[in-house]
């Protein structure tokens, strides 16, 4: 029986296992994700230390989590492109560049969020 035929709790449990496998694979193969995880580990206590407002805290933390989410999606795109073939193809390069641009935008948003909240511009 495949994962897709499962129902209820069994499907939910399998989805959790696949998600854990995804985190492990990303940790193993993607240095950028490891760096972003370190940033997250630093950012969470900093968010609690630097502000007393819960909305500001969640915005600070969420902005870093968003970077990690976008990195996971970018890594997935890169893995699929690499699976299709290693030879250069314009569309493959474009897909990887677009994923990289998405990561860059999420990092810029995180930086702007931290600056705006902490500097109170």
PDB file of N, CA and C in Angstrom:
ATOM      1  N   UNK A   1       0.839  -1.175   0.000  1.00  0.00           N
ATOM      2  CA  UNK A   1       0.000   0.000   0.000  1.00  0.00           C
ATOM      3  C   UNK A   1       0.889   1.244   0.000  1.00  0.00           C
ATOM      4  N   UNK A   2       0.554   2.213  -0.807  1.00  0.00           N
ATOM      5  CA  UNK A   2       1.362   3.424  -0.900  1.00  0.00           C
ATOM      6  C   UNK A   2       0.861   4.490   0.064  1.00  0.00           C
ATOM      7  N   UNK A   3       1.670   5.478   0.249  1.00  0.00           N
ATOM      8  CA  UNK A   3       1.343   6.610   1.115  1.00  0.00           C
ATOM      9  C   UNK A   3       0.040   7.271   0.684  1.00  0.00           C
ATOM     10  N   UNK A   4      -0.182   7.387  -0.608  1.00  0.00           N
ATOM     11  CA  UNK A   4      -1.347   8.101  -1.120  1.00  0.00           C
ATOM     12  C   UNK A   4      -2.651   7.365  -0.861  1.00  0.00           C
ATOM     13  N   UNK A   5      -2.599   6.069  -0.621  1.00  0.00           N
ATOM     14  CA  UNK A   5      -3.810   5.304  -0.343  1.00  0.00           C
ATOM     15  C   UNK A   5      -4.165   5.300   1.140  1.00  0.00           C
ATOM     16  N   UNK A   6      -3.286   5.807   1.960  1.00  0.00           N
ATOM     17  CA  UNK A   6      -3.533   5.829   3.400  1.00  0.00           C
ATOM     18  C   UNK A   6      -4.582   6.888   3.737  1.00  0.00           C
ATOM     19  N   UNK A   7      -5.293   6.645   4.823  1.00  0.00           N
ATOM     20  CA  UNK A   7      -6.323   7.579   5.287  1.00  0.00           C
ATOM     21  C   UNK A   7      -6.107   7.888   6.753  1.00  0.00           C
ATOM     22  N   UNK A   8      -6.666   8.994   7.192  1.00  0.00           N
ATOM     23  CA  UNK A   8      -6.711   9.343   8.598  1.00  0.00           C
ATOM     24  C   UNK A   8      -5.357   9.486   9.260  1.00  0.00           C
ATOM     25  N   UNK A   9      -5.248   8.917  10.472  1.00  0.00           N
ATOM     26  CA  UNK A   9      -4.054   9.070  11.280  1.00  0.00           C
ATOM     27  C   UNK A   9      -2.825   8.485  10.596  1.00  0.00           C
ATOM     28  N   UNK A  10      -2.987   7.362   9.900  1.00  0.00           N
ATOM     29  CA  UNK A  10      -1.844   6.719   9.225  1.00  0.00           C
ATOM     30  C   UNK A  10      -1.253   7.675   8.177  1.00  0.00           C
ATOM     31  N   UNK A  11      -2.104   8.340   7.422  1.00  0.00           N
ATOM     32  CA  UNK A  11      -1.630   9.294   6.413  1.00  0.00           C
ATOM     33  C   UNK A  11      -0.919  10.470   7.093  1.00  0.00           C
ATOM     34  N   UNK A  12      -1.508  10.967   8.185  1.00  0.00           N
ATOM     35  CA  UNK A  12      -0.912  12.068   8.939  1.00  0.00           C
ATOM     36  C   UNK A  12       0.452  11.664   9.487  1.00  0.00           C
ATOM     37  N   UNK A  13       0.555  10.469  10.063  1.00  0.00           N
ATOM     38  CA  UNK A  13       1.811   9.976  10.617  1.00  0.00           C
ATOM     39  C   UNK A  13       2.865   9.838   9.515  1.00  0.00           C
ATOM     40  N   UNK A  14       2.474   9.275   8.368  1.00  0.00           N
ATOM     41  CA  UNK A  14       3.408   9.131   7.247  1.00  0.00           C
ATOM     42  C   UNK A  14       3.878  10.499   6.739  1.00  0.00           C
ATOM     43  N   UNK A  15       2.974  11.472   6.698  1.00  0.00           N
ATOM     44  CA  UNK A  15       3.345  12.821   6.252  1.00  0.00           C
ATOM     45  C   UNK A  15       4.393  13.416   7.185  1.00  0.00           C
ATOM     46  N   UNK A  16       4.245  13.176   8.481  1.00  0.00           N
ATOM     47  CA  UNK A  16       5.228  13.666   9.442  1.00  0.00           C
ATOM     48  C   UNK A  16       6.588  13.005   9.186  1.00  0.00           C
ATOM     49  N   UNK A  17       6.587  11.701   8.944  1.00  0.00           N
ATOM     50  CA  UNK A  17       7.842  10.988   8.674  1.00  0.00           C
ATOM     51  C   UNK A  17       8.517  11.511   7.410  1.00  0.00           C
ATOM     52  N   UNK A  18       7.734  11.772   6.366  1.00  0.00           N
ATOM     53  CA  UNK A  18       8.311  12.313   5.130  1.00  0.00           C
ATOM     54  C   UNK A  18       8.854  13.723   5.348  1.00  0.00           C
ATOM     55  N   UNK A  19       8.165  14.500   6.161  1.00  0.00           N
ATOM     56  CA  UNK A  19       8.648  15.853   6.466  1.00  0.00           C
ATOM     57  C   UNK A  19       9.969  15.805   7.222  1.00  0.00           C
ATOM     58  N   UNK A  20      10.068  14.900   8.180  1.00  0.00           N
ATOM     59  CA  UNK A  20      11.320  14.738   8.926  1.00  0.00           C
ATOM     60  C   UNK A  20      12.438  14.325   7.976  1.00  0.00           C
ATOM     61  N   UNK A  21      12.131  13.412   7.058  1.00  0.00           N
ATOM     62  CA  UNK A  21      13.132  12.998   6.064  1.00  0.00           C
ATOM     63  C   UNK A  21      13.558  14.193   5.207  1.00  0.00           C
ATOM     64  N   UNK A  22      12.618  15.073   4.891  1.00  0.00           N
ATOM     65  CA  UNK A  22      12.942  16.271   4.117  1.00  0.00           C
ATOM     66  C   UNK A  22      13.874  17.204   4.870  1.00  0.00           C
ATOM     67  N   UNK A  23      13.609  17.390   6.175  1.00  0.00           N
ATOM     68  CA  UNK A  23      14.501  18.211   6.993  1.00  0.00           C
ATOM     69  C   UNK A  23      15.893  17.598   7.051  1.00  0.00           C
ATOM     70  N   UNK A  24      15.963  16.280   7.236  1.00  0.00           N
ATOM     71  CA  UNK A  24      17.264  15.608   7.308  1.00  0.00           C
ATOM     72  C   UNK A  24      18.038  15.763   6.005  1.00  0.00           C
ATOM     73  N   UNK A  25      17.356  15.573   4.876  1.00  0.00           N
ATOM     74  CA  UNK A  25      18.017  15.687   3.574  1.00  0.00           C
ATOM     75  C   UNK A  25      18.504  17.112   3.339  1.00  0.00           C
ATOM     76  N   UNK A  26      17.683  18.084   3.718  1.00  0.00           N
ATOM     77  CA  UNK A  26      18.084  19.471   3.527  1.00  0.00           C
ATOM     78  C   UNK A  26      19.262  19.809   4.423  1.00  0.00           C
ATOM     79  N   UNK A  27      19.234  19.335   5.657  1.00  0.00           N
ATOM     80  CA  UNK A  27      20.356  19.561   6.575  1.00  0.00           C
ATOM     81  C   UNK A  27      21.643  18.973   5.998  1.00  0.00           C
ATOM     82  N   UNK A  28      21.530  17.779   5.448  1.00  0.00           N
ATOM     83  CA  UNK A  28      22.710  17.071   4.947  1.00  0.00           C
ATOM     84  C   UNK A  28      23.284  17.711   3.682  1.00  0.00           C
ATOM     85  N   UNK A  29      22.427  18.181   2.791  1.00  0.00           N
ATOM     86  CA  UNK A  29      22.877  18.584   1.460  1.00  0.00           C
ATOM     87  C   UNK A  29      22.905  20.092   1.209  1.00  0.00           C
ATOM     88  N   UNK A  30      22.328  20.886   2.095  1.00  0.00           N
ATOM     89  CA  UNK A  30      22.199  22.320   1.816  1.00  0.00           C
ATOM     90  C   UNK A  30      22.844  23.159   2.917  1.00  0.00           C
ATOM     91  N   UNK A  31      24.026  23.693   2.628  1.00  0.00           N
ATOM     92  CA  UNK A  31      24.734  24.527   3.607  1.00  0.00           C
ATOM     93  C   UNK A  31      23.940  25.782   3.950  1.00  0.00           C
ATOM     94  N   UNK A  32      23.268  26.361   2.965  1.00  0.00           N
ATOM     95  CA  UNK A  32      22.490  27.575   3.219  1.00  0.00           C
ATOM     96  C   UNK A  32      21.412  27.316   4.269  1.00  0.00           C
ATOM     97  N   UNK A  33      20.782  26.152   4.213  1.00  0.00           N
ATOM     98  CA  UNK A  33      19.756  25.829   5.204  1.00  0.00           C
ATOM     99  C   UNK A  33      20.373  25.710   6.598  1.00  0.00           C
ATOM    100  N   UNK A  34      21.545  25.103   6.676  1.00  0.00           N
ATOM    101  CA  UNK A  34      22.211  24.989   7.981  1.00  0.00           C
ATOM    102  C   UNK A  34      22.520  26.380   8.542  1.00  0.00           C
ATOM    103  N   UNK A  35      22.958  27.290   7.686  1.00  0.00           N
ATOM    104  CA  UNK A  35      23.246  28.658   8.129  1.00  0.00           C
ATOM    105  C   UNK A  35      21.966  29.360   8.589  1.00  0.00           C
ATOM    106  N   UNK A  36      20.892  29.154   7.859  1.00  0.00           N
ATOM    107  CA  UNK A  36      19.622  29.782   8.222  1.00  0.00           C
ATOM    108  C   UNK A  36      19.061  29.189   9.514  1.00  0.00           C
ATOM    109  N   UNK A  37      19.307  27.926   9.756  1.00  0.00           N
ATOM    110  CA  UNK A  37      18.877  27.319  11.010  1.00  0.00           C
ATOM    111  C   UNK A  37      19.649  27.923  12.185  1.00  0.00           C
ATOM    112  N   UNK A  38      20.932  28.167  11.995  1.00  0.00           N
ATOM    113  CA  UNK A  38      21.727  28.837  13.033  1.00  0.00           C
ATOM    114  C   UNK A  38      21.159  30.236  13.280  1.00  0.00           C
ATOM    115  N   UNK A  39      20.827  30.950  12.213  1.00  0.00           N
ATOM    116  CA  UNK A  39      20.229  32.285  12.355  1.00  0.00           C
ATOM    117  C   UNK A  39      18.918  32.196  13.138  1.00  0.00           C
ATOM    118  N   UNK A  40      18.124  31.171  12.876  1.00  0.00           N
ATOM    119  CA  UNK A  40      16.866  30.966  13.607  1.00  0.00           C
ATOM    120  C   UNK A  40      17.129  30.731  15.090  1.00  0.00           C
ATOM    121  N   UNK A  41      18.116  29.885  15.390  1.00  0.00           N
ATOM    122  CA  UNK A  41      18.447  29.563  16.789  1.00  0.00           C
ATOM    123  C   UNK A  41      18.915  30.813  17.533  1.00  0.00           C
ATOM    124  N   UNK A  42      19.606  31.693  16.827  1.00  0.00           N
ATOM    125  CA  UNK A  42      20.046  32.959  17.426  1.00  0.00           C
ATOM    126  C   UNK A  42      18.872  33.943  17.504  1.00  0.00           C
ATOM    127  N   UNK A  43      18.031  33.969  16.485  1.00  0.00           N
ATOM    128  CA  UNK A  43      16.964  34.966  16.383  1.00  0.00           C
ATOM    129  C   UNK A  43      15.872  34.787  17.434  1.00  0.00           C
ATOM    130  N   UNK A  44      15.531  33.561  17.760  1.00  0.00           N
ATOM    131  CA  UNK A  44      14.422  33.349  18.699  1.00  0.00           C
ATOM    132  C   UNK A  44      14.717  33.966  20.068  1.00  0.00           C
ATOM    133  N   UNK A  45      15.845  33.639  20.702  1.00  0.00           N
ATOM    134  CA  UNK A  45      16.098  34.292  21.991  1.00  0.00           C
ATOM    135  C   UNK A  45      16.268  35.814  21.861  1.00  0.00           C
ATOM    136  N   UNK A  46      16.884  36.246  20.752  1.00  0.00           N
ATOM    137  CA  UNK A  46      17.048  37.687  20.533  1.00  0.00           C
ATOM    138  C   UNK A  46      15.697  38.392  20.444  1.00  0.00           C
ATOM    139  N   UNK A  47      14.757  37.776  19.762  1.00  0.00           N
ATOM    140  CA  UNK A  47      13.428  38.373  19.626  1.00  0.00           C
ATOM    141  C   UNK A  47      12.775  38.559  20.986  1.00  0.00           C
ATOM    142  N   UNK A  48      12.970  37.603  21.873  1.00  0.00           N
ATOM    143  CA  UNK A  48      12.400  37.719  23.221  1.00  0.00           C
ATOM    144  C   UNK A  48      13.161  38.732  24.072  1.00  0.00           C
ATOM    145  N   UNK A  49      14.443  38.851  23.831  1.00  0.00           N
ATOM    146  CA  UNK A  49      15.270  39.747  24.627  1.00  0.00           C
ATOM    147  C   UNK A  49      15.115  41.206  24.191  1.00  0.00           C
ATOM    148  N   UNK A  50      14.959  41.413  22.875  1.00  0.00           N
ATOM    149  CA  UNK A  50      14.980  42.770  22.336  1.00  0.00           C
ATOM    150  C   UNK A  50      13.632  43.484  22.349  1.00  0.00           C
ATOM    151  N   UNK A  51      12.547  42.738  22.510  1.00  0.00           N
ATOM    152  CA  UNK A  51      11.232  43.383  22.490  1.00  0.00           C
ATOM    153  C   UNK A  51      10.317  42.743  23.524  1.00  0.00           C
ATOM    154  N   UNK A  52       9.397  43.543  24.021  1.00  0.00           N
ATOM    155  CA  UNK A  52       8.419  43.051  24.998  1.00  0.00           C
ATOM    156  C   UNK A  52       7.055  42.815  24.370  1.00  0.00           C
ATOM    157  N   UNK A  53       6.909  43.166  23.119  1.00  0.00           N
ATOM    158  CA  UNK A  53       5.630  43.064  22.428  1.00  0.00           C
ATOM    159  C   UNK A  53       5.537  41.732  21.692  1.00  0.00           C
ATOM    160  N   UNK A  54       4.481  40.968  21.967  1.00  0.00           N
ATOM    161  CA  UNK A  54       4.335  39.650  21.345  1.00  0.00           C
ATOM    162  C   UNK A  54       4.165  39.715  19.829  1.00  0.00           C
ATOM    163  N   UNK A  55       3.499  40.737  19.333  1.00  0.00           N
ATOM    164  CA  UNK A  55       3.331  40.877  17.882  1.00  0.00           C
ATOM    165  C   UNK A  55       4.691  41.118  17.224  1.00  0.00           C
ATOM    166  N   UNK A  56       5.486  41.972  17.826  1.00  0.00           N
ATOM    167  CA  UNK A  56       6.825  42.212  17.288  1.00  0.00           C
ATOM    168  C   UNK A  56       7.669  40.944  17.345  1.00  0.00           C
ATOM    169  N   UNK A  57       7.572  40.218  18.439  1.00  0.00           N
ATOM    170  CA  UNK A  57       8.330  38.968  18.552  1.00  0.00           C
ATOM    171  C   UNK A  57       7.962  37.987  17.456  1.00  0.00           C
ATOM    172  N   UNK A  58       6.673  37.799  17.241  1.00  0.00           N
ATOM    173  CA  UNK A  58       6.259  36.817  16.230  1.00  0.00           C
ATOM    174  C   UNK A  58       6.656  37.288  14.836  1.00  0.00           C
ATOM    175  N   UNK A  59       6.629  38.579  14.584  1.00  0.00           N
ATOM    176  CA  UNK A  59       7.072  39.090  13.284  1.00  0.00           C
ATOM    177  C   UNK A  59       8.565  38.848  13.085  1.00  0.00           C
ATOM    178  N   UNK A  60       9.361  39.078  14.118  1.00  0.00           N
ATOM    179  CA  UNK A  60      10.801  38.842  14.019  1.00  0.00           C
ATOM    180  C   UNK A  60      11.090  37.365  13.753  1.00  0.00           C
ATOM    181  N   UNK A  61      10.455  36.508  14.529  1.00  0.00           N
ATOM    182  CA  UNK A  61      10.682  35.063  14.379  1.00  0.00           C
ATOM    183  C   UNK A  61      10.130  34.570  13.047  1.00  0.00           C
ATOM    184  N   UNK A  62       8.933  34.999  12.691  1.00  0.00           N
ATOM    185  CA  UNK A  62       8.307  34.542  11.443  1.00  0.00           C
ATOM    186  C   UNK A  62       9.116  34.947  10.224  1.00  0.00           C
ATOM    187  N   UNK A  63       9.743  36.112  10.277  1.00  0.00           N
ATOM    188  CA  UNK A  63      10.533  36.539   9.117  1.00  0.00           C
ATOM    189  C   UNK A  63      11.711  35.601   8.884  1.00  0.00           C
ATOM    190  N   UNK A  64      12.306  35.089   9.952  1.00  0.00           N
ATOM    191  CA  UNK A  64      13.417  34.139   9.817  1.00  0.00           C
ATOM    192  C   UNK A  64      12.897  32.770   9.392  1.00  0.00           C
ATOM    193  N   UNK A  65      11.748  32.371   9.919  1.00  0.00           N
ATOM    194  CA  UNK A  65      11.148  31.099   9.512  1.00  0.00           C
ATOM    195  C   UNK A  65      10.794  31.142   8.029  1.00  0.00           C
ATOM    196  N   UNK A  66      10.305  32.283   7.562  1.00  0.00           N
ATOM    197  CA  UNK A  66       9.977  32.421   6.144  1.00  0.00           C
ATOM    198  C   UNK A  66      11.203  32.180   5.269  1.00  0.00           C
ATOM    199  N   UNK A  67      12.345  32.684   5.679  1.00  0.00           N
ATOM    200  CA  UNK A  67      13.584  32.440   4.925  1.00  0.00           C
ATOM    201  C   UNK A  67      13.840  30.938   4.831  1.00  0.00           C
ATOM    202  N   UNK A  68      13.655  30.226   5.931  1.00  0.00           N
ATOM    203  CA  UNK A  68      13.883  28.783   5.932  1.00  0.00           C
ATOM    204  C   UNK A  68      12.879  28.054   5.038  1.00  0.00           C
ATOM    205  N   UNK A  69      11.633  28.493   5.052  1.00  0.00           N
ATOM    206  CA  UNK A  69      10.603  27.881   4.198  1.00  0.00           C
ATOM    207  C   UNK A  69      10.963  28.062   2.729  1.00  0.00           C
ATOM    208  N   UNK A  70      11.334  29.279   2.363  1.00  0.00           N
ATOM    209  CA  UNK A  70      11.686  29.556   0.968  1.00  0.00           C
ATOM    210  C   UNK A  70      12.931  28.761   0.579  1.00  0.00           C
ATOM    211  N   UNK A  71      13.884  28.631   1.495  1.00  0.00           N
ATOM    212  CA  UNK A  71      15.084  27.826   1.217  1.00  0.00           C
ATOM    213  C   UNK A  71      14.722  26.363   0.985  1.00  0.00           C
ATOM    214  N   UNK A  72      13.795  25.835   1.769  1.00  0.00           N
ATOM    215  CA  UNK A  72      13.340  24.451   1.555  1.00  0.00           C
ATOM    216  C   UNK A  72      12.738  24.286   0.161  1.00  0.00           C
ATOM    217  N   UNK A  73      11.897  25.227  -0.235  1.00  0.00           N
ATOM    218  CA  UNK A  73      11.288  25.153  -1.569  1.00  0.00           C
ATOM    219  C   UNK A  73      12.331  25.303  -2.667  1.00  0.00           C
ATOM    220  N   UNK A  74      13.273  26.212  -2.473  1.00  0.00           N
ATOM    221  CA  UNK A  74      14.347  26.392  -3.449  1.00  0.00           C
ATOM    222  C   UNK A  74      15.183  25.114  -3.568  1.00  0.00           C
ATOM    223  N   UNK A  75      15.481  24.501  -2.446  1.00  0.00           N
ATOM    224  CA  UNK A  75      16.259  23.253  -2.467  1.00  0.00           C
ATOM    225  C   UNK A  75      15.503  22.151  -3.198  1.00  0.00           C
ATOM    226  N   UNK A  76      14.191  22.115  -3.020  1.00  0.00           N
ATOM    227  CA  UNK A  76      13.379  21.121  -3.724  1.00  0.00           C
ATOM    228  C   UNK A  76      13.429  21.352  -5.231  1.00  0.00           C
ATOM    229  N   UNK A  77      13.317  22.608  -5.653  1.00  0.00           N
ATOM    230  CA  UNK A  77      13.401  22.935  -7.085  1.00  0.00           C
ATOM    231  C   UNK A  77      14.760  22.516  -7.631  1.00  0.00           C
ATOM    232  N   UNK A  78      15.820  22.843  -6.910  1.00  0.00           N
ATOM    233  CA  UNK A  78      17.164  22.487  -7.371  1.00  0.00           C
ATOM    234  C   UNK A  78      17.341  20.977  -7.471  1.00  0.00           C
ATOM    235  N   UNK A  79      16.805  20.240  -6.512  1.00  0.00           N
ATOM    236  CA  UNK A  79      16.923  18.783  -6.544  1.00  0.00           C
ATOM    237  C   UNK A  79      16.199  18.200  -7.755  1.00  0.00           C
ATOM    238  N   UNK A  80      15.028  18.706  -8.051  1.00  0.00           N
ATOM    239  CA  UNK A  80      14.272  18.203  -9.211  1.00  0.00           C
ATOM    240  C   UNK A  80      14.998  18.544 -10.506  1.00  0.00           C
ATOM    241  N   UNK A  81      15.501  19.770 -10.602  1.00  0.00           N
ATOM    242  CA  UNK A  81      16.226  20.178 -11.813  1.00  0.00           C
ATOM    243  C   UNK A  81      17.462  19.299 -11.997  1.00  0.00           C
ATOM    244  N   UNK A  82      18.188  19.061 -10.921  1.00  0.00           N
ATOM    245  CA  UNK A  82      19.386  18.223 -11.017  1.00  0.00           C
ATOM    246  C   UNK A  82      19.037  16.779 -11.346  1.00  0.00           C
ATOM    247  N   UNK A  83      17.894  16.304 -10.907  1.00  0.00           N
ATOM    248  CA  UNK A  83      17.450  14.931 -11.202  1.00  0.00           C
ATOM    249  C   UNK A  83      17.164  14.763 -12.686  1.00  0.00           C
ATOM    250  N   UNK A  84      16.621  15.809 -13.304  1.00  0.00           N
ATOM    251  CA  UNK A  84      16.264  15.742 -14.720  1.00  0.00           C
ATOM    252  C   UNK A  84      17.501  15.629 -15.588  1.00  0.00           C
ATOM    253  N   UNK A  85      18.566  16.323 -15.217  1.00  0.00           N
ATOM    254  CA  UNK A  85      19.786  16.245 -16.000  1.00  0.00           C
ATOM    255  C   UNK A  85      20.822  17.232 -15.517  1.00  0.00           C
ATOM    256  N   UNK A  86      22.075  16.896 -15.751  1.00  0.00           N
ATOM    257  CA  UNK A  86      23.156  17.766 -15.303  1.00  0.00           C
ATOM    258  C   UNK A  86      23.668  18.686 -16.408  1.00  0.00           C
ATOM    259  N   UNK A  87      23.284  18.429 -17.640  1.00  0.00           N
ATOM    260  CA  UNK A  87      23.736  19.298 -18.720  1.00  0.00           C
ATOM    261  C   UNK A  87      23.010  20.640 -18.633  1.00  0.00           C
ATOM    262  N   UNK A  88      23.651  21.682 -19.141  1.00  0.00           N
ATOM    263  CA  UNK A  88      23.065  23.015 -19.071  1.00  0.00           C
ATOM    264  C   UNK A  88      21.824  23.093 -19.946  1.00  0.00           C
ATOM    265  N   UNK A  89      20.791  23.673 -19.384  1.00  0.00           N
ATOM    266  CA  UNK A  89      19.587  23.991 -20.146  1.00  0.00           C
ATOM    267  C   UNK A  89      19.077  25.330 -19.631  1.00  0.00           C
ATOM    268  N   UNK A  90      18.688  26.194 -20.547  1.00  0.00           N
ATOM    269  CA  UNK A  90      18.250  27.537 -20.172  1.00  0.00           C
ATOM    270  C   UNK A  90      17.126  27.502 -19.132  1.00  0.00           C
ATOM    271  N   UNK A  91      16.151  26.625 -19.315  1.00  0.00           N
ATOM    272  CA  UNK A  91      15.027  26.561 -18.380  1.00  0.00           C
ATOM    273  C   UNK A  91      15.458  26.057 -17.007  1.00  0.00           C
ATOM    274  N   UNK A  92      16.399  25.120 -16.982  1.00  0.00           N
ATOM    275  CA  UNK A  92      16.910  24.627 -15.700  1.00  0.00           C
ATOM    276  C   UNK A  92      17.622  25.756 -14.956  1.00  0.00           C
ATOM    277  N   UNK A  93      18.444  26.491 -15.677  1.00  0.00           N
ATOM    278  CA  UNK A  93      19.138  27.622 -15.075  1.00  0.00           C
ATOM    279  C   UNK A  93      18.163  28.683 -14.592  1.00  0.00           C
ATOM    280  N   UNK A  94      17.137  28.921 -15.387  1.00  0.00           N
ATOM    281  CA  UNK A  94      16.137  29.913 -15.010  1.00  0.00           C
ATOM    282  C   UNK A  94      15.408  29.485 -13.736  1.00  0.00           C
ATOM    283  N   UNK A  95      15.039  28.210 -13.657  1.00  0.00           N
ATOM    284  CA  UNK A  95      14.344  27.707 -12.462  1.00  0.00           C
ATOM    285  C   UNK A  95      15.203  27.890 -11.220  1.00  0.00           C
ATOM    286  N   UNK A  96      16.485  27.553 -11.326  1.00  0.00           N
ATOM    287  CA  UNK A  96      17.385  27.713 -10.176  1.00  0.00           C
ATOM    288  C   UNK A  96      17.570  29.189  -9.823  1.00  0.00           C
ATOM    289  N   UNK A  97      17.704  30.044 -10.822  1.00  0.00           N
ATOM    290  CA  UNK A  97      17.869  31.479 -10.570  1.00  0.00           C
ATOM    291  C   UNK A  97      16.627  32.079  -9.910  1.00  0.00           C
ATOM    292  N   UNK A  98      15.460  31.657 -10.345  1.00  0.00           N
ATOM    293  CA  UNK A  98      14.216  32.173  -9.769  1.00  0.00           C
ATOM    294  C   UNK A  98      14.091  31.726  -8.307  1.00  0.00           C
ATOM    295  N   UNK A  99      14.444  30.476  -8.033  1.00  0.00           N
ATOM    296  CA  UNK A  99      14.430  30.002  -6.651  1.00  0.00           C
ATOM    297  C   UNK A  99      15.390  30.788  -5.787  1.00  0.00           C
ATOM    298  N   UNK A 100      16.561  31.058  -6.317  1.00  0.00           N
ATOM    299  CA  UNK A 100      17.557  31.850  -5.590  1.00  0.00           C
ATOM    300  C   UNK A 100      17.048  33.265  -5.346  1.00  0.00           C
ATOM    301  N   UNK A 101      16.368  33.844  -6.322  1.00  0.00           N
ATOM    302  CA  UNK A 101      15.807  35.187  -6.160  1.00  0.00           C
ATOM    303  C   UNK A 101      14.752  35.200  -5.060  1.00  0.00           C
ATOM    304  N   UNK A 102      13.964  34.145  -4.980  1.00  0.00           N
ATOM    305  CA  UNK A 102      12.952  34.052  -3.925  1.00  0.00           C
ATOM    306  C   UNK A 102      13.604  34.015  -2.544  1.00  0.00           C
ATOM    307  N   UNK A 103      14.695  33.271  -2.424  1.00  0.00           N
ATOM    308  CA  UNK A 103      15.424  33.230  -1.153  1.00  0.00           C
ATOM    309  C   UNK A 103      15.957  34.623  -0.818  1.00  0.00           C
ATOM    310  N   UNK A 104      16.532  35.294  -1.807  1.00  0.00           N
ATOM    311  CA  UNK A 104      17.077  36.627  -1.576  1.00  0.00           C
ATOM    312  C   UNK A 104      15.990  37.596  -1.112  1.00  0.00           C
ATOM    313  N   UNK A 105      14.815  37.547  -1.738  1.00  0.00           N
ATOM    314  CA  UNK A 105      13.730  38.427  -1.323  1.00  0.00           C
ATOM    315  C   UNK A 105      13.282  38.136   0.104  1.00  0.00           C
ATOM    316  N   UNK A 106      13.229  36.870   0.469  1.00  0.00           N
ATOM    317  CA  UNK A 106      12.816  36.529   1.833  1.00  0.00           C
ATOM    318  C   UNK A 106      13.855  37.008   2.845  1.00  0.00           C
ATOM    319  N   UNK A 107      15.132  36.938   2.488  1.00  0.00           N
ATOM    320  CA  UNK A 107      16.190  37.452   3.376  1.00  0.00           C
ATOM    321  C   UNK A 107      16.071  38.971   3.500  1.00  0.00           C
ATOM    322  N   UNK A 108      15.824  39.651   2.396  1.00  0.00           N
ATOM    323  CA  UNK A 108      15.656  41.106   2.435  1.00  0.00           C
ATOM    324  C   UNK A 108      14.462  41.489   3.305  1.00  0.00           C
ATOM    325  N   UNK A 109      13.372  40.730   3.200  1.00  0.00           N
ATOM    326  CA  UNK A 109      12.195  40.986   4.027  1.00  0.00           C
ATOM    327  C   UNK A 109      12.520  40.781   5.508  1.00  0.00           C
ATOM    328  N   UNK A 110      13.270  39.727   5.818  1.00  0.00           N
ATOM    329  CA  UNK A 110      13.650  39.475   7.212  1.00  0.00           C
ATOM    330  C   UNK A 110      14.507  40.616   7.752  1.00  0.00           C
ATOM    331  N   UNK A 111      15.468  41.047   6.970  1.00  0.00           N
ATOM    332  CA  UNK A 111      16.336  42.153   7.399  1.00  0.00           C
ATOM    333  C   UNK A 111      15.513  43.420   7.614  1.00  0.00           C
ATOM    334  N   UNK A 112      14.626  43.727   6.677  1.00  0.00           N
ATOM    335  CA  UNK A 112      13.785  44.920   6.803  1.00  0.00           C
ATOM    336  C   UNK A 112      12.887  44.825   8.036  1.00  0.00           C
ATOM    337  N   UNK A 113      12.338  43.649   8.283  1.00  0.00           N
ATOM    338  CA  UNK A 113      11.479  43.460   9.453  1.00  0.00           C
ATOM    339  C   UNK A 113      12.249  43.724  10.735  1.00  0.00           C
ATOM    340  N   UNK A 114      13.433  43.129  10.839  1.00  0.00           N
ATOM    341  CA  UNK A 114      14.251  43.321  12.044  1.00  0.00           C
ATOM    342  C   UNK A 114      14.639  44.793  12.205  1.00  0.00           C
ATOM    343  N   UNK A 115      15.049  45.428  11.122  1.00  0.00           N
ATOM    344  CA  UNK A 115      15.451  46.840  11.213  1.00  0.00           C
ATOM    345  C   UNK A 115      14.276  47.736  11.606  1.00  0.00           C
ATOM    346  N   UNK A 116      13.157  47.548  10.953  1.00  0.00           N
ATOM    347  CA  UNK A 116      12.006  48.404  11.237  1.00  0.00           C
ATOM    348  C   UNK A 116      11.497  48.242  12.655  1.00  0.00           C
ATOM    349  N   UNK A 117      11.484  47.014  13.148  1.00  0.00           N
ATOM    350  CA  UNK A 117      10.996  46.779  14.511  1.00  0.00           C
ATOM    351  C   UNK A 117      12.001  47.246  15.546  1.00  0.00           C
ATOM    352  N   UNK A 118      13.266  46.957  15.328  1.00  0.00           N
ATOM    353  CA  UNK A 118      14.259  47.279  16.349  1.00  0.00           C
ATOM    354  C   UNK A 118      14.680  48.740  16.357  1.00  0.00           C
ATOM    355  N   UNK A 119      14.688  49.362  15.172  1.00  0.00           N
ATOM    356  CA  UNK A 119      15.087  50.765  15.091  1.00  0.00           C
ATOM    357  C   UNK A 119      13.876  51.682  15.285  1.00  0.00           C
ATOM    358  N   UNK A 120      12.676  51.144  15.106  1.00  0.00           N
ATOM    359  CA  UNK A 120      11.420  51.893  15.253  1.00  0.00           C
ATOM    360  C   UNK A 120      11.373  53.095  14.325  1.00  0.00           C
ATOM    361  N   UNK A 121      11.716  52.816  13.061  1.00  0.00           N
ATOM    362  CA  UNK A 121      11.698  53.897  12.050  1.00  0.00           C
ATOM    363  C   UNK A 121      10.275  54.348  11.829  1.00  0.00           C
TER     364      UNK A 121
END
